[in-house]
Protein backbone atom coordinates (compact mmCIF):
# COMPACT_ATOMS: atom_id res chain seq x y z
CA MET A 1 0.00 0.00 0.00
CA ASN A 2 1.36 3.49 -0.85
CA GLY A 3 4.55 1.91 -2.18
CA GLU A 4 5.65 0.78 1.29
CA THR A 5 6.95 -2.71 1.84
CA THR A 6 6.22 -4.36 5.15
CA THR A 7 7.52 -7.61 6.54
CA GLU A 8 6.45 -9.72 9.49
CA SER A 9 8.90 -11.46 11.74
CA VAL A 10 8.59 -15.23 11.68
CA THR A 11 10.03 -15.44 15.19
CA PRO A 12 7.33 -15.02 17.83
CA THR A 13 7.99 -12.16 20.21
CA PRO A 14 6.20 -11.34 23.47
CA ASP A 15 4.56 -8.28 21.90
CA ALA A 16 3.47 -10.10 18.71
CA ALA A 17 -0.26 -9.76 18.03
CA PRO A 18 -2.32 -12.87 18.73
CA ALA A 19 -3.57 -14.64 15.59
CA ALA A 20 -7.12 -13.30 16.20
CA ASP A 21 -5.81 -9.71 16.01
CA ARG A 22 -3.86 -10.07 12.76
CA ASP A 23 -5.26 -9.26 9.35
CA PRO A 24 -7.13 -12.36 8.13
CA THR A 25 -5.47 -12.27 4.72
CA PRO A 26 -2.63 -10.17 3.33
CA GLY A 27 -4.08 -7.24 1.42
CA TRP A 28 -7.07 -6.88 3.75
CA GLU A 29 -5.55 -4.07 5.79
CA TRP A 30 -8.77 -2.13 5.22
CA LEU A 31 -10.57 -4.35 7.75
CA PRO A 32 -10.48 -2.70 11.17
CA LYS A 33 -9.10 -4.83 13.99
CA ALA A 34 -11.82 -3.63 16.38
CA GLY A 35 -15.06 -1.65 16.21
CA HIS A 36 -15.69 -0.11 12.81
CA SER A 37 -14.11 2.44 10.48
CA LEU A 38 -15.08 4.50 7.46
CA ARG A 39 -13.25 3.46 4.30
CA LEU A 40 -12.99 5.39 1.06
CA ALA A 41 -14.84 3.50 -1.67
CA GLY A 42 -12.82 3.06 -4.83
CA VAL A 43 -9.56 2.28 -3.01
CA HIS A 44 -9.89 -1.19 -1.49
CA PHE A 45 -13.39 -1.86 -2.81
CA ASP A 46 -16.38 -0.29 -4.55
CA ALA A 47 -19.82 -0.75 -3.02
CA VAL A 48 -23.46 -0.99 -4.01
CA ARG A 49 -25.87 0.42 -1.42
CA VAL A 50 -29.33 -1.13 -1.21
CA ALA A 51 -32.13 -0.71 1.34
CA GLY A 52 -35.08 -2.66 2.66
CA GLU A 53 -36.45 -5.96 1.46
CA LEU A 54 -34.55 -5.68 -1.82
CA ALA A 55 -31.30 -5.71 0.18
CA GLU A 56 -32.38 -8.74 2.21
CA GLU A 57 -33.45 -10.67 -0.88
CA ALA A 58 -30.19 -9.87 -2.66
CA ALA A 59 -28.06 -10.72 0.39
CA ARG A 60 -29.68 -14.16 0.63
CA GLU A 61 -28.62 -14.92 -2.95
CA THR A 62 -25.17 -13.28 -3.00
CA ASP A 63 -21.68 -14.62 -2.31
CA GLY A 64 -19.07 -12.22 -1.03
CA PRO A 65 -18.87 -9.53 1.62
CA VAL A 66 -22.04 -7.73 2.64
CA VAL A 67 -22.22 -5.10 5.42
CA ARG A 68 -25.45 -4.07 7.19
CA GLU A 69 -26.29 -0.88 9.07
CA HIS A 70 -28.49 -1.24 12.14
CA ALA A 71 -29.24 2.47 12.61
CA GLY A 72 -30.36 5.34 10.40
CA GLU A 73 -31.47 4.23 6.95
CA ARG A 74 -30.37 0.63 7.65
CA TYR A 75 -28.64 0.25 4.30
CA THR A 76 -26.88 -2.88 3.15
CA TYR A 77 -23.57 -2.55 1.31
CA PHE A 78 -22.33 -5.14 -1.18
CA LEU A 79 -18.53 -4.85 -1.52
CA LEU A 80 -17.21 -5.19 -5.09
CA PRO A 81 -13.66 -5.12 -6.48
CA PRO A 82 -12.35 -1.55 -6.74
CA GLY A 83 -13.00 0.17 -10.05
CA THR A 84 -15.95 -2.01 -11.08
CA VAL A 85 -19.12 -0.22 -9.96
CA ARG A 86 -19.11 2.33 -12.80
CA ALA A 87 -19.36 -0.39 -15.46
CA TYR A 88 -23.06 -0.90 -14.62
CA ARG A 89 -26.24 1.12 -14.55
CA TRP A 90 -27.67 0.02 -11.23
CA PRO A 91 -31.45 -0.45 -11.03
CA PRO A 92 -33.74 1.73 -8.89
CA GLY A 93 -33.13 1.08 -5.22
CA ALA A 94 -29.41 0.35 -5.73
CA ARG A 95 -26.66 2.97 -5.79
CA GLY A 96 -23.07 2.38 -6.84
CA LEU A 97 -20.46 3.97 -4.57
CA THR A 98 -16.89 4.76 -5.55
CA SER A 99 -14.72 7.87 -5.57
CA GLY A 100 -13.48 10.14 -8.31
CA ASP A 101 -11.83 13.48 -8.98
CA ARG A 102 -14.74 15.57 -7.68
CA TYR A 103 -16.49 13.27 -5.21
CA ALA A 104 -15.82 10.75 -2.49
CA SER A 105 -17.96 7.98 -1.06
CA TYR A 106 -17.24 6.40 2.31
CA VAL A 107 -18.54 3.08 3.56
CA GLY A 108 -18.56 1.91 7.17
CA VAL A 109 -16.72 -1.39 7.62
CA PRO A 110 -17.00 -3.45 10.83
CA ALA A 111 -14.25 -5.56 12.36
CA LEU A 112 -14.61 -9.29 11.84
CA ARG A 113 -15.02 -9.89 15.59
CA GLY A 114 -16.19 -8.04 18.66
CA ALA A 115 -18.57 -5.16 19.20
CA THR A 116 -19.17 -3.36 15.89
CA TRP A 117 -22.58 -1.72 16.42
CA PRO A 118 -24.18 -0.09 14.41
CA LEU A 119 -22.60 -2.22 11.66
CA SER A 120 -22.38 -5.98 11.16
CA TRP A 121 -21.38 -8.47 8.53
CA ARG A 122 -24.23 -10.21 6.71
CA ARG A 123 -21.49 -12.13 4.87
CA THR A 124 -17.78 -11.75 5.60
CA PRO A 125 -15.06 -11.63 2.96
CA THR A 126 -13.21 -14.91 2.51
CA GLU A 127 -10.20 -15.99 0.50
CA ARG A 128 -12.60 -17.71 -1.93
CA THR A 129 -14.98 -14.74 -2.18
CA PRO A 130 -13.11 -11.56 -1.23
CA PHE A 131 -15.69 -9.50 -3.18
CA VAL A 132 -19.20 -9.75 -4.54
CA GLU A 133 -19.04 -10.50 -8.26
CA PRO A 134 -20.35 -7.28 -9.93
CA ALA A 135 -22.05 -8.84 -12.98
CA ALA A 136 -23.83 -11.43 -10.82
CA LEU A 137 -25.05 -8.74 -8.38
CA HIS A 138 -26.21 -6.54 -11.26
CA ARG A 139 -28.17 -9.41 -12.86
CA LEU A 140 -29.69 -10.32 -9.48
CA LEU A 141 -30.77 -6.76 -8.65
CA CYS A 142 -32.21 -6.27 -12.13
CA ARG A 143 -34.16 -9.51 -11.76
CA LEU A 144 -35.42 -8.56 -8.30
CA THR A 145 -36.48 -5.06 -9.38
CA GLY A 146 -37.70 -6.11 -12.85
CA PRO A 147 -41.26 -5.73 -14.05
CA ARG A 148 -43.65 -6.71 -11.32
CA SER A 149 -47.26 -7.62 -11.84
CA LEU A 150 -48.77 -4.40 -13.08
CA PRO A 151 -52.41 -3.57 -12.55
CA THR A 152 -54.44 -4.14 -15.66
CA ALA A 153 -55.27 -1.03 -17.65
CA PRO A 154 -58.71 0.36 -16.95
CA ALA A 155 -61.29 -0.51 -19.55
CA ALA A 156 -62.21 2.20 -22.04
CA PRO A 157 -65.18 4.22 -20.81
CA THR A 158 -68.52 3.26 -22.25
CA THR A 159 -70.99 5.79 -23.72
CA GLU A 160 -72.81 6.00 -20.40
CA GLU A 161 -69.53 6.83 -18.62
CA GLY A 162 -68.75 9.73 -20.92
CA GLY A 163 -67.02 7.89 -23.78
CA ARG A 164 -67.81 8.62 -27.44
């Protein structure tokens, strides 16, 4: 990160962090060790923000990291690889979050363990699924928000109702 090279000692020392406190996987330095932190979208990940039942339905059918808010708007955030959210036009109810030259989006990220209120993991990142696959999430959200049963069109008025 930032061109710095870090190394870990392979010899245990008394002040070495216990395994539970180390980053779960190299490259996941963006995960806080405790509590929660705001992270700039577009650096370590992009995100898609979804609310309500749409978020719950999508989270049930999605692999990869998903963060939930338990206060305020109670959004759900699907974490995608950085630089991918702009490739899609997200359906109503879903908003892509990243950062650019004139704007910045921040996403709250909880630690993997411990007290993280008001955030929690619906699904944690894993080595197998470090991110939600953008095309799969886009297809899923489009399917879930697609045409619903529309009310039938009212019948044309008859002569008695003012028709011609």
